[in-house]
PDB file of N, CA and C in Angstrom:
ATOM      1  N   MET A   1      81.613 118.687  98.038  1.00  0.00           N
ATOM      2  CA  MET A   1      81.045 117.733  99.001  1.00  0.00           C
ATOM      3  C   MET A   1      81.264 118.188 100.430  1.00  0.00           C
ATOM      4  N   LYS A   2      80.493 119.117 100.843  1.00  0.00           N
ATOM      5  CA  LYS A   2      80.701 119.656 102.172  1.00  0.00           C
ATOM      6  C   LYS A   2      80.363 118.706 103.331  1.00  0.00           C
ATOM      7  N   HIS A   3      79.437 117.726 103.059  1.00  0.00           N
ATOM      8  CA  HIS A   3      79.165 116.785 104.136  1.00  0.00           C
ATOM      9  C   HIS A   3      80.327 115.881 104.411  1.00  0.00           C
ATOM     10  N   LEU A   4      81.233 115.653 103.425  1.00  0.00           N
ATOM     11  CA  LEU A   4      82.460 114.917 103.708  1.00  0.00           C
ATOM     12  C   LEU A   4      83.356 115.604 104.714  1.00  0.00           C
ATOM     13  N   LYS A   5      83.410 116.917 104.637  1.00  0.00           N
ATOM     14  CA  LYS A   5      84.200 117.675 105.619  1.00  0.00           C
ATOM     15  C   LYS A   5      83.678 117.420 107.055  1.00  0.00           C
ATOM     16  N   ILE A   6      82.380 117.387 107.262  1.00  0.00           N
ATOM     17  CA  ILE A   6      81.753 117.091 108.528  1.00  0.00           C
ATOM     18  C   ILE A   6      82.079 115.653 108.943  1.00  0.00           C
ATOM     19  N   LEU A   7      81.924 114.704 108.076  1.00  0.00           N
ATOM     20  CA  LEU A   7      82.331 113.361 108.390  1.00  0.00           C
ATOM     21  C   LEU A   7      83.796 113.140 108.819  1.00  0.00           C
ATOM     22  N   GLU A   8      84.650 113.844 108.035  1.00  0.00           N
ATOM     23  CA  GLU A   8      86.044 113.772 108.334  1.00  0.00           C
ATOM     24  C   GLU A   8      86.305 114.349 109.713  1.00  0.00           C
ATOM     25  N   ALA A   9      85.761 115.497 110.019  1.00  0.00           N
ATOM     26  CA  ALA A   9      85.943 116.088 111.383  1.00  0.00           C
ATOM     27  C   ALA A   9      85.509 115.156 112.497  1.00  0.00           C
ATOM     28  N   LEU A  10      84.348 114.530 112.273  1.00  0.00           N
ATOM     29  CA  LEU A  10      83.822 113.623 113.277  1.00  0.00           C
ATOM     30  C   LEU A  10      84.654 112.319 113.406  1.00  0.00           C
ATOM     31  N   ASN A  11      85.193 111.906 112.311  1.00  0.00           N
ATOM     32  CA  ASN A  11      86.094 110.739 112.297  1.00  0.00           C
ATOM     33  C   ASN A  11      87.382 111.016 113.070  1.00  0.00           C
ATOM     34  N   GLU A  12      87.869 112.174 113.016  1.00  0.00           N
ATOM     35  CA  GLU A  12      89.089 112.617 113.680  1.00  0.00           C
ATOM     36  C   GLU A  12      88.939 112.810 115.163  1.00  0.00           C
ATOM     37  N   LYS A  13      87.800 113.449 115.570  1.00  0.00           N
ATOM     38  CA  LYS A  13      87.617 113.843 116.969  1.00  0.00           C
ATOM     39  C   LYS A  13      86.524 113.057 117.662  1.00  0.00           C
ATOM     40  N   ASN A  14      85.817 112.202 117.011  1.00  0.00           N
ATOM     41  CA  ASN A  14      84.720 111.320 117.579  1.00  0.00           C
ATOM     42  C   ASN A  14      83.493 112.118 118.055  1.00  0.00           C
ATOM     43  N   GLU A  15      83.593 112.999 118.988  1.00  0.00           N
ATOM     44  CA  GLU A  15      82.429 113.768 119.502  1.00  0.00           C
ATOM     45  C   GLU A  15      82.713 115.247 119.438  1.00  0.00           C
ATOM     46  N   LEU A  16      81.791 115.958 118.732  1.00  0.00           N
ATOM     47  CA  LEU A  16      82.014 117.415 118.617  1.00  0.00           C
ATOM     48  C   LEU A  16      80.635 118.120 118.764  1.00  0.00           C
ATOM     49  N   THR A  17      80.638 119.382 119.206  1.00  0.00           N
ATOM     50  CA  THR A  17      79.486 120.170 119.194  1.00  0.00           C
ATOM     51  C   THR A  17      79.314 120.712 117.776  1.00  0.00           C
ATOM     52  N   VAL A  18      78.105 121.263 117.429  1.00  0.00           N
ATOM     53  CA  VAL A  18      77.902 121.872 116.083  1.00  0.00           C
ATOM     54  C   VAL A  18      78.927 122.983 115.861  1.00  0.00           C
ATOM     55  N   GLU A  19      79.185 123.744 116.885  1.00  0.00           N
ATOM     56  CA  GLU A  19      80.127 124.903 116.689  1.00  0.00           C
ATOM     57  C   GLU A  19      81.571 124.389 116.383  1.00  0.00           C
ATOM     58  N   GLU A  20      81.978 123.293 117.069  1.00  0.00           N
ATOM     59  CA  GLU A  20      83.280 122.688 116.823  1.00  0.00           C
ATOM     60  C   GLU A  20      83.330 122.074 115.449  1.00  0.00           C
ATOM     61  N   ILE A  21      82.265 121.507 114.970  1.00  0.00           N
ATOM     62  CA  ILE A  21      82.199 120.869 113.641  1.00  0.00           C
ATOM     63  C   ILE A  21      82.338 121.963 112.598  1.00  0.00           C
ATOM     64  N   ALA A  22      81.591 123.080 112.791  1.00  0.00           N
ATOM     65  CA  ALA A  22      81.665 124.229 111.881  1.00  0.00           C
ATOM     66  C   ALA A  22      83.057 124.754 111.687  1.00  0.00           C
ATOM     67  N   LYS A  23      83.738 124.898 112.901  1.00  0.00           N
ATOM     68  CA  LYS A  23      85.103 125.349 112.866  1.00  0.00           C
ATOM     69  C   LYS A  23      86.016 124.426 112.147  1.00  0.00           C
ATOM     70  N   GLU A  24      85.988 123.156 112.522  1.00  0.00           N
ATOM     71  CA  GLU A  24      86.885 122.123 111.943  1.00  0.00           C
ATOM     72  C   GLU A  24      86.705 121.970 110.438  1.00  0.00           C
ATOM     73  N   SER A  25      85.441 122.190 109.995  1.00  0.00           N
ATOM     74  CA  SER A  25      85.147 121.932 108.566  1.00  0.00           C
ATOM     75  C   SER A  25      85.065 123.193 107.718  1.00  0.00           C
ATOM     76  N   ASN A  26      85.422 124.357 108.389  1.00  0.00           N
ATOM     77  CA  ASN A  26      85.334 125.615 107.677  1.00  0.00           C
ATOM     78  C   ASN A  26      84.000 125.944 107.047  1.00  0.00           C
ATOM     79  N   LEU A  27      82.971 125.652 107.663  1.00  0.00           N
ATOM     80  CA  LEU A  27      81.544 125.970 107.237  1.00  0.00           C
ATOM     81  C   LEU A  27      80.910 126.857 108.250  1.00  0.00           C
ATOM     82  N   ASN A  28      79.971 127.638 107.673  1.00  0.00           N
ATOM     83  CA  ASN A  28      79.235 128.477 108.679  1.00  0.00           C
ATOM     84  C   ASN A  28      78.210 127.623 109.515  1.00  0.00           C
ATOM     85  N   LEU A  29      77.772 128.193 110.590  1.00  0.00           N
ATOM     86  CA  LEU A  29      76.990 127.447 111.601  1.00  0.00           C
ATOM     87  C   LEU A  29      75.668 126.964 111.017  1.00  0.00           C
ATOM     88  N   ALA A  30      74.982 127.805 110.264  1.00  0.00           N
ATOM     89  CA  ALA A  30      73.713 127.412 109.650  1.00  0.00           C
ATOM     90  C   ALA A  30      73.855 126.270 108.702  1.00  0.00           C
ATOM     91  N   GLU A  31      74.847 126.363 107.811  1.00  0.00           N
ATOM     92  CA  GLU A  31      75.074 125.319 106.845  1.00  0.00           C
ATOM     93  C   GLU A  31      75.482 123.960 107.557  1.00  0.00           C
ATOM     94  N   THR A  32      76.263 124.100 108.607  1.00  0.00           N
ATOM     95  CA  THR A  32      76.644 122.946 109.379  1.00  0.00           C
ATOM     96  C   THR A  32      75.466 122.167 109.976  1.00  0.00           C
ATOM     97  N   LYS A  33      74.550 122.990 110.582  1.00  0.00           N
ATOM     98  CA  LYS A  33      73.365 122.426 111.167  1.00  0.00           C
ATOM     99  C   LYS A  33      72.517 121.720 110.082  1.00  0.00           C
ATOM    100  N   LYS A  34      72.353 122.370 109.002  1.00  0.00           N
ATOM    101  CA  LYS A  34      71.541 121.769 107.895  1.00  0.00           C
ATOM    102  C   LYS A  34      72.155 120.459 107.406  1.00  0.00           C
ATOM    103  N   LEU A  35      73.479 120.396 107.252  1.00  0.00           N
ATOM    104  CA  LEU A  35      74.109 119.161 106.787  1.00  0.00           C
ATOM    105  C   LEU A  35      74.090 118.074 107.836  1.00  0.00           C
ATOM    106  N   LEU A  36      74.221 118.462 109.073  1.00  0.00           N
ATOM    107  CA  LEU A  36      74.158 117.493 110.159  1.00  0.00           C
ATOM    108  C   LEU A  36      72.722 116.855 110.222  1.00  0.00           C
ATOM    109  N   MET A  37      71.713 117.669 109.981  1.00  0.00           N
ATOM    110  CA  MET A  37      70.358 117.120 109.969  1.00  0.00           C
ATOM    111  C   MET A  37      70.150 116.122 108.840  1.00  0.00           C
ATOM    112  N   ARG A  38      70.703 116.487 107.632  1.00  0.00           N
ATOM    113  CA  ARG A  38      70.590 115.703 106.479  1.00  0.00           C
ATOM    114  C   ARG A  38      71.348 114.345 106.689  1.00  0.00           C
ATOM    115  N   LEU A  39      72.575 114.428 107.227  1.00  0.00           N
ATOM    116  CA  LEU A  39      73.333 113.215 107.583  1.00  0.00           C
ATOM    117  C   LEU A  39      72.617 112.394 108.639  1.00  0.00           C
ATOM    118  N   SER A  40      71.984 112.988 109.553  1.00  0.00           N
ATOM    119  CA  SER A  40      71.214 112.251 110.585  1.00  0.00           C
ATOM    120  C   SER A  40      70.072 111.515 109.958  1.00  0.00           C
ATOM    121  N   GLU A  41      69.343 112.179 109.072  1.00  0.00           N
ATOM    122  CA  GLU A  41      68.237 111.534 108.343  1.00  0.00           C
ATOM    123  C   GLU A  41      68.668 110.321 107.510  1.00  0.00           C
ATOM    124  N   GLN A  42      69.910 110.378 107.092  1.00  0.00           N
ATOM    125  CA  GLN A  42      70.505 109.256 106.327  1.00  0.00           C
ATOM    126  C   GLN A  42      71.099 108.186 107.125  1.00  0.00           C
ATOM    127  N   GLY A  43      71.071 108.396 108.458  1.00  0.00           N
ATOM    128  CA  GLY A  43      71.598 107.403 109.398  1.00  0.00           C
ATOM    129  C   GLY A  43      73.081 107.406 109.539  1.00  0.00           C
ATOM    130  N   LYS A  44      73.786 108.428 109.167  1.00  0.00           N
ATOM    131  CA  LYS A  44      75.222 108.405 109.157  1.00  0.00           C
ATOM    132  C   LYS A  44      75.797 109.062 110.458  1.00  0.00           C
ATOM    133  N   VAL A  45      75.056 109.970 111.048  1.00  0.00           N
ATOM    134  CA  VAL A  45      75.507 110.626 112.285  1.00  0.00           C
ATOM    135  C   VAL A  45      74.356 110.665 113.227  1.00  0.00           C
ATOM    136  N   GLU A  46      74.669 110.860 114.555  1.00  0.00           N
ATOM    137  CA  GLU A  46      73.709 110.990 115.554  1.00  0.00           C
ATOM    138  C   GLU A  46      74.086 111.963 116.577  1.00  0.00           C
ATOM    139  N   SER A  47      73.177 112.531 117.331  1.00  0.00           N
ATOM    140  CA  SER A  47      73.397 113.500 118.357  1.00  0.00           C
ATOM    141  C   SER A  47      73.057 112.893 119.709  1.00  0.00           C
ATOM    142  N   PHE A  48      73.722 113.389 120.748  1.00  0.00           N
ATOM    143  CA  PHE A  48      73.412 112.977 122.087  1.00  0.00           C
ATOM    144  C   PHE A  48      73.788 114.109 123.040  1.00  0.00           C
ATOM    145  N   GLU A  49      73.161 114.098 124.232  1.00  0.00           N
ATOM    146  CA  GLU A  49      73.477 115.156 125.189  1.00  0.00           C
ATOM    147  C   GLU A  49      74.528 114.683 126.206  1.00  0.00           C
ATOM    148  N   LYS A  50      75.409 115.577 126.553  1.00  0.00           N
ATOM    149  CA  LYS A  50      76.503 115.270 127.495  1.00  0.00           C
ATOM    150  C   LYS A  50      76.818 116.596 128.187  1.00  0.00           C
ATOM    151  N   GLU A  51      76.732 116.580 129.554  1.00  0.00           N
ATOM    152  CA  GLU A  51      77.074 117.777 130.278  1.00  0.00           C
ATOM    153  C   GLU A  51      76.275 118.969 129.869  1.00  0.00           C
ATOM    154  N   GLY A  52      74.975 118.824 129.466  1.00  0.00           N
ATOM    155  CA  GLY A  52      74.109 119.948 129.115  1.00  0.00           C
ATOM    156  C   GLY A  52      74.347 120.436 127.718  1.00  0.00           C
ATOM    157  N   LYS A  53      75.270 119.799 126.939  1.00  0.00           N
ATOM    158  CA  LYS A  53      75.476 120.216 125.516  1.00  0.00           C
ATOM    159  C   LYS A  53      75.117 119.124 124.580  1.00  0.00           C
ATOM    160  N   ILE A  54      74.800 119.475 123.381  1.00  0.00           N
ATOM    161  CA  ILE A  54      74.501 118.529 122.310  1.00  0.00           C
ATOM    162  C   ILE A  54      75.797 118.310 121.529  1.00  0.00           C
ATOM    163  N   TYR A  55      76.142 117.004 121.433  1.00  0.00           N
ATOM    164  CA  TYR A  55      77.257 116.585 120.684  1.00  0.00           C
ATOM    165  C   TYR A  55      76.823 115.703 119.523  1.00  0.00           C
ATOM    166  N   TRP A  56      77.704 115.584 118.495  1.00  0.00           N
ATOM    167  CA  TRP A  56      77.457 114.745 117.343  1.00  0.00           C
ATOM    168  C   TRP A  56      78.539 113.746 117.198  1.00  0.00           C
ATOM    169  N   LYS A  57      78.206 112.591 116.601  1.00  0.00           N
ATOM    170  CA  LYS A  57      79.215 111.607 116.326  1.00  0.00           C
ATOM    171  C   LYS A  57      78.740 110.721 115.173  1.00  0.00           C
ATOM    172  N   ILE A  58      79.699 109.967 114.662  1.00  0.00           N
ATOM    173  CA  ILE A  58      79.369 109.010 113.552  1.00  0.00           C
ATOM    174  C   ILE A  58      78.458 107.952 114.190  1.00  0.00           C
ATOM    175  N   LYS A  59      77.388 107.587 113.559  1.00  0.00           N
ATOM    176  CA  LYS A  59      76.456 106.611 114.041  1.00  0.00           C
ATOM    177  C   LYS A  59      77.125 105.206 113.966  1.00  0.00           C
ATOM    178  N   GLU A  60      77.015 104.544 115.068  1.00  0.00           N
ATOM    179  CA  GLU A  60      77.502 103.139 115.097  1.00  0.00           C
ATOM    180  C   GLU A  60      76.405 102.254 114.561  1.00  0.00           C
ATOM    181  N   VAL A  61      76.826 101.300 113.714  1.00  0.00           N
ATOM    182  CA  VAL A  61      75.876 100.429 113.066  1.00  0.00           C
ATOM    183  C   VAL A  61      75.948  99.074 113.726  1.00  0.00           C
ATOM    184  N   SER A  62      74.723  98.591 114.218  1.00  0.00           N
ATOM    185  CA  SER A  62      74.744  97.261 114.886  1.00  0.00           C
ATOM    186  C   SER A  62      74.905  96.156 113.850  1.00  0.00           C
ATOM    187  N   GLU A  63      75.222  94.980 114.381  1.00  0.00           N
ATOM    188  CA  GLU A  63      75.353  93.827 113.453  1.00  0.00           C
ATOM    189  C   GLU A  63      74.033  93.535 112.748  1.00  0.00           C
ATOM    190  N   GLU A  64      72.940  93.750 113.414  1.00  0.00           N
ATOM    191  CA  GLU A  64      71.596  93.457 112.794  1.00  0.00           C
ATOM    192  C   GLU A  64      71.372  94.437 111.657  1.00  0.00           C
ATOM    193  N   GLU A  65      71.763  95.688 111.849  1.00  0.00           N
ATOM    194  CA  GLU A  65      71.590  96.706 110.775  1.00  0.00           C
ATOM    195  C   GLU A  65      72.444  96.354 109.611  1.00  0.00           C
ATOM    196  N   LYS A  66      73.661  95.892 109.869  1.00  0.00           N
ATOM    197  CA  LYS A  66      74.584  95.515 108.798  1.00  0.00           C
ATOM    198  C   LYS A  66      73.967  94.348 107.949  1.00  0.00           C
ATOM    199  N   LYS A  67      73.423  93.406 108.648  1.00  0.00           N
ATOM    200  CA  LYS A  67      72.794  92.206 108.002  1.00  0.00           C
ATOM    201  C   LYS A  67      71.626  92.682 107.108  1.00  0.00           C
ATOM    202  N   LEU A  68      70.781  93.580 107.641  1.00  0.00           N
ATOM    203  CA  LEU A  68      69.654  94.100 106.858  1.00  0.00           C
ATOM    204  C   LEU A  68      70.112  94.786 105.654  1.00  0.00           C
ATOM    205  N   LYS A  69      71.087  95.643 105.780  1.00  0.00           N
ATOM    206  CA  LYS A  69      71.622  96.363 104.623  1.00  0.00           C
ATOM    207  C   LYS A  69      72.125  95.449 103.535  1.00  0.00           C
ATOM    208  N   LYS A  70      72.748  94.367 103.922  1.00  0.00           N
ATOM    209  CA  LYS A  70      73.280  93.413 102.949  1.00  0.00           C
ATOM    210  C   LYS A  70      72.138  92.716 102.202  1.00  0.00           C
ATOM    211  N   GLU A  71      71.052  92.441 102.930  1.00  0.00           N
ATOM    212  CA  GLU A  71      69.924  91.688 102.387  1.00  0.00           C
ATOM    213  C   GLU A  71      69.166  92.608 101.335  1.00  0.00           C
ATOM    214  N   PHE A  72      69.100  93.905 101.646  1.00  0.00           N
ATOM    215  CA  PHE A  72      68.298  94.815 100.756  1.00  0.00           C
ATOM    216  C   PHE A  72      69.102  95.510  99.729  1.00  0.00           C
ATOM    217  N   TYR A  73      70.435  95.600  99.878  1.00  0.00           N
ATOM    218  CA  TYR A  73      71.255  96.358  98.921  1.00  0.00           C
ATOM    219  C   TYR A  73      72.221  95.467  98.228  1.00  0.00           C
TER     220      TYR A  73
END
């Protein structure tokens, strides 16, 4: 479960670049990018720009999203 390594790294450090995530999770860069995109599509992580770099973090879920998930799942 390689995606769990990425989520663990982001849980520990909050905001990381893709290179930092790859290093923390012991995955190669291409695989890290692929897994981040998949996690992003699932709504688990999100990217943002800061100081000219792209960072990733665990996606914060709003109260409205939490309510919707409870209604449908």
